[in-house]
C-alpha atoms as a PDB file:
ATOM      1  CA  MET A   1       0.000   0.000   0.000  1.00  0.00           C
ATOM      2  CA  VAL A   2       1.447   3.359  -0.998  1.00  0.00           C
ATOM      3  CA  GLY A   3       0.350   6.616   0.570  1.00  0.00           C
ATOM      4  CA  ASP A   4      -1.799   7.586   3.511  1.00  0.00           C
ATOM      5  CA  PRO A   5      -3.747   4.577   4.838  1.00  0.00           C
ATOM      6  CA  GLN A   6      -6.539   6.918   5.904  1.00  0.00           C
ATOM      7  CA  SER A   7      -7.126   8.378   2.439  1.00  0.00           C
ATOM      8  CA  ARG A   8     -10.643   7.588   1.340  1.00  0.00           C
ATOM      9  CA  SER A   9     -12.074   6.352  -1.922  1.00  0.00           C
ATOM     10  CA  SER A  10     -15.222   4.694  -3.169  1.00  0.00           C
ATOM     11  CA  ILE A  11     -14.195   1.914  -5.513  1.00  0.00           C
ATOM     12  CA  VAL A  12     -16.736   1.066  -8.195  1.00  0.00           C
ATOM     13  CA  SER A  13     -16.887  -2.446  -9.607  1.00  0.00           C
ATOM     14  CA  THR A  14     -16.007  -2.741 -13.271  1.00  0.00           C
ATOM     15  CA  ASP A  15     -19.355  -4.505 -13.818  1.00  0.00           C
ATOM     16  CA  ASP A  16     -21.287  -1.551 -12.372  1.00  0.00           C
ATOM     17  CA  LEU A  17     -19.164   0.934 -14.324  1.00  0.00           C
ATOM     18  CA  ALA A  18     -19.776  -0.921 -17.588  1.00  0.00           C
ATOM     19  CA  ARG A  19     -23.511  -1.119 -16.903  1.00  0.00           C
ATOM     20  CA  ILE A  20     -23.684   2.611 -16.134  1.00  0.00           C
ATOM     21  CA  ALA A  21     -21.721   3.435 -19.300  1.00  0.00           C
ATOM     22  CA  VAL A  22     -23.992   1.315 -21.508  1.00  0.00           C
ATOM     23  CA  GLU A  23     -27.257   2.414 -19.886  1.00  0.00           C
ATOM     24  CA  SER A  24     -26.275   6.102 -19.971  1.00  0.00           C
ATOM     25  CA  ALA A  25     -26.986   6.132 -23.700  1.00  0.00           C
ATOM     26  CA  THR A  26     -30.638   5.159 -23.192  1.00  0.00           C
ATOM     27  CA  THR A  27     -31.466   6.494 -19.715  1.00  0.00           C
ATOM     28  CA  ALA A  28     -33.327   9.797 -19.977  1.00  0.00           C
ATOM     29  CA  ALA A  29     -32.275  10.954 -16.494  1.00  0.00           C
ATOM     30  CA  ALA A  30     -28.615  10.541 -17.479  1.00  0.00           C
ATOM     31  CA  LYS A  31     -28.856  12.580 -20.684  1.00  0.00           C
ATOM     32  CA  ASN A  32     -26.539  15.626 -20.663  1.00  0.00           C
ATOM     33  CA  GLN A  33     -25.545  14.902 -17.056  1.00  0.00           C
ATOM     34  CA  THR A  34     -22.133  14.684 -15.470  1.00  0.00           C
ATOM     35  CA  LEU A  35     -22.485  11.954 -12.883  1.00  0.00           C
ATOM     36  CA  PRO A  36     -19.885  11.171 -10.236  1.00  0.00           C
ATOM     37  CA  VAL A  37     -19.426   7.412 -10.234  1.00  0.00           C
ATOM     38  CA  GLY A  38     -18.017   5.475  -7.314  1.00  0.00           C
ATOM     39  CA  GLY A  39     -18.748   2.436  -5.231  1.00  0.00           C
ATOM     40  CA  PRO A  40     -21.484   2.317  -2.603  1.00  0.00           C
ATOM     41  CA  GLU A  41     -19.125   2.653   0.371  1.00  0.00           C
ATOM     42  CA  ILE A  42     -16.426   5.117   1.311  1.00  0.00           C
ATOM     43  CA  LEU A  43     -13.361   3.061   2.207  1.00  0.00           C
ATOM     44  CA  GLU A  44     -10.122   4.130   3.781  1.00  0.00           C
ATOM     45  CA  ARG A  45      -7.135   2.757   1.908  1.00  0.00           C
ATOM     46  CA  ALA A  46      -6.342   0.669   5.023  1.00  0.00           C
ATOM     47  CA  ASP A  47      -9.741  -1.078   4.692  1.00  0.00           C
ATOM     48  CA  ILE A  48      -8.734  -2.740   1.417  1.00  0.00           C
ATOM     49  CA  PRO A  49      -6.152  -5.148   2.908  1.00  0.00           C
ATOM     50  CA  LYS A  50      -8.675  -5.965   5.662  1.00  0.00           C
ATOM     51  CA  ILE A  51     -11.218  -6.929   2.993  1.00  0.00           C
ATOM     52  CA  LEU A  52      -8.616  -9.100   1.265  1.00  0.00           C
ATOM     53  CA  GLY A  53      -7.799 -10.666   4.635  1.00  0.00           C
ATOM     54  CA  ARG A  54     -11.467 -11.619   5.117  1.00  0.00           C
ATOM     55  CA  ILE A  55     -11.735 -12.993   1.594  1.00  0.00           C
ATOM     56  CA  PHE A  56      -8.601 -15.136   1.882  1.00  0.00           C
ATOM     57  CA  ASN A  57      -9.091 -15.822   5.603  1.00  0.00           C
ATOM     58  CA  GLN A  58      -5.548 -14.653   6.240  1.00  0.00           C
ATOM     59  CA  GLU A  59      -3.991 -11.645   7.965  1.00  0.00           C
ATOM     60  CA  PRO A  60      -2.492  -9.369   5.277  1.00  0.00           C
ATOM     61  CA  ILE A  61       1.151  -8.337   5.395  1.00  0.00           C
ATOM     62  CA  LEU A  62       1.386  -4.613   4.738  1.00  0.00           C
ATOM     63  CA  ILE A  63       4.295  -2.648   3.395  1.00  0.00           C
ATOM     64  CA  ASN A  64       3.536   1.058   3.289  1.00  0.00           C
ATOM     65  CA  PRO A  65       6.295   3.055   1.571  1.00  0.00           C
ATOM     66  CA  PRO A  66       5.801   6.828   1.635  1.00  0.00           C
ATOM     67  CA  LEU A  67       4.907   8.668  -1.566  1.00  0.00           C
ATOM     68  CA  PHE A  68       8.414  10.094  -1.915  1.00  0.00           C
ATOM     69  CA  VAL A  69       9.603   6.553  -2.765  1.00  0.00           C
ATOM     70  CA  LEU A  70       7.234   6.525  -5.759  1.00  0.00           C
ATOM     71  CA  ASP A  71       8.464  10.018  -6.658  1.00  0.00           C
ATOM     72  CA  ALA A  72      12.073   8.784  -6.659  1.00  0.00           C
ATOM     73  CA  VAL A  73      11.147   5.834  -8.905  1.00  0.00           C
ATOM     74  CA  ARG A  74       9.320   8.218 -11.270  1.00  0.00           C
ATOM     75  CA  VAL A  75      12.335  10.526 -11.537  1.00  0.00           C
ATOM     76  CA  GLY A  76      14.715   7.620 -12.179  1.00  0.00           C
ATOM     77  CA  LEU A  77      12.394   6.071 -14.734  1.00  0.00           C
ATOM     78  CA  GLY A  78      12.043   9.423 -16.490  1.00  0.00           C
ATOM     79  CA  PHE A  79      15.652   9.208 -17.641  1.00  0.00           C
ATOM     80  CA  VAL A  80      14.931   5.901 -19.383  1.00  0.00           C
ATOM     81  CA  ASN A  81      11.254   6.110 -20.324  1.00  0.00           C
ATOM     82  CA  PRO A  82       9.506   9.513 -20.163  1.00  0.00           C
ATOM     83  CA  GLU A  83       6.091   8.011 -21.037  1.00  0.00           C
ATOM     84  CA  SER A  84       6.228   5.701 -18.021  1.00  0.00           C
ATOM     85  CA  GLN A  85       7.194   8.656 -15.874  1.00  0.00           C
ATOM     86  CA  LYS A  86       4.000  10.433 -16.996  1.00  0.00           C
ATOM     87  CA  ALA A  87       1.893   7.329 -16.317  1.00  0.00           C
ATOM     88  CA  LEU A  88       3.323   7.050 -12.826  1.00  0.00           C
ATOM     89  CA  GLY A  89       2.455  10.723 -12.349  1.00  0.00           C
ATOM     90  CA  THR A  90      -1.190   9.807 -12.835  1.00  0.00           C
ATOM     91  CA  LEU A  91      -0.829   6.965 -10.337  1.00  0.00           C
ATOM     92  CA  ARG A  92       0.819   9.345  -7.883  1.00  0.00           C
ATOM     93  CA  THR A  93      -2.115  11.762  -8.196  1.00  0.00           C
ATOM     94  CA  LEU A  94      -4.540   8.943  -7.451  1.00  0.00           C
ATOM     95  CA  LEU A  95      -2.515   7.802  -4.446  1.00  0.00           C
ATOM     96  CA  ALA A  96      -2.016  11.289  -3.010  1.00  0.00           C
ATOM     97  CA  ASN A  97      -5.646  12.402  -3.130  1.00  0.00           C
ATOM     98  CA  GLU A  98      -9.036  11.225  -1.970  1.00  0.00           C
ATOM     99  CA  PHE A  99     -11.639  10.310  -4.565  1.00  0.00           C
ATOM    100  CA  PHE A 100     -15.047   9.246  -3.306  1.00  0.00           C
ATOM    101  CA  CYS A 101     -18.737   9.768  -3.878  1.00  0.00           C
ATOM    102  CA  THR A 102     -21.000  11.019  -1.125  1.00  0.00           C
ATOM    103  CA  PRO A 103     -23.968   8.913  -0.005  1.00  0.00           C
ATOM    104  CA  ALA A 104     -26.273  11.397  -1.777  1.00  0.00           C
ATOM    105  CA  GLU A 105     -24.332  10.987  -5.039  1.00  0.00           C
ATOM    106  CA  ILE A 106     -24.532   7.200  -4.765  1.00  0.00           C
ATOM    107  CA  GLU A 107     -28.261   7.366  -4.045  1.00  0.00           C
ATOM    108  CA  ARG A 108     -28.761   9.545  -7.136  1.00  0.00           C
ATOM    109  CA  LEU A 109     -26.710   7.135  -9.248  1.00  0.00           C
ATOM    110  CA  GLU A 110     -28.635   4.091  -8.003  1.00  0.00           C
ATOM    111  CA  SER A 111     -32.008   5.755  -8.552  1.00  0.00           C
ATOM    112  CA  THR A 112     -31.021   7.049 -12.010  1.00  0.00           C
ATOM    113  CA  PHE A 113     -29.998   3.587 -13.214  1.00  0.00           C
ATOM    114  CA  ASN A 114     -32.395   1.625 -10.987  1.00  0.00           C
ATOM    115  CA  PHE A 115     -29.907  -0.824  -9.457  1.00  0.00           C
ATOM    116  CA  LYS A 116     -27.836  -1.131  -6.276  1.00  0.00           C
ATOM    117  CA  LEU A 117     -24.094  -0.712  -6.665  1.00  0.00           C
ATOM    118  CA  GLU A 118     -21.988  -3.650  -5.561  1.00  0.00           C
ATOM    119  CA  SER A 119     -19.552  -3.391  -2.666  1.00  0.00           C
ATOM    120  CA  LEU A 120     -15.858  -4.012  -3.246  1.00  0.00           C
ATOM    121  CA  GLU A 121     -15.924  -7.109  -1.052  1.00  0.00           C
ATOM    122  CA  SER A 122     -18.912  -8.615  -2.870  1.00  0.00           C
ATOM    123  CA  PHE A 123     -17.334  -7.915  -6.270  1.00  0.00           C
ATOM    124  CA  MET A 124     -14.010  -9.463  -5.268  1.00  0.00           C
ATOM    125  CA  ARG A 125     -15.661 -12.531  -3.749  1.00  0.00           C
ATOM    126  CA  ARG A 126     -17.582 -13.132  -6.999  1.00  0.00           C
ATOM    127  CA  TYR A 127     -14.462 -12.942  -9.136  1.00  0.00           C
ATOM    128  CA  ILE A 128     -12.168 -14.814  -6.778  1.00  0.00           C
ATOM    129  CA  ASN A 129     -14.847 -17.469  -6.059  1.00  0.00           C
ATOM    130  CA  CYS A 130     -14.527 -17.391  -2.288  1.00  0.00           C
END
């Protein structure tokens, strides 16, 4: 885990994201709207290894390097591959900031598309078959 373990995000399942993208074309309430899309729960980054621990029934081992380690890797990589340095810049932005939807935004999303968004744990359990 890189970055602040207390940074929050609401992770949307790829299935829900795909469904929203497809249904946006035919859903009147979504026409000409900019909709924030996220998962149904606001998770701290530290919650994610806990979820994996429950799924695999095993205590996770965490290594939490500070963001400056990623910055150093980016700078070094920039000498060899500038495109990768830019890509890691995007990753760094995601790791350094919080991105989440409020409960009101999730409620609007679910009512607009008429389905409940899936939690991260439920999504992972389906795909990992646990």
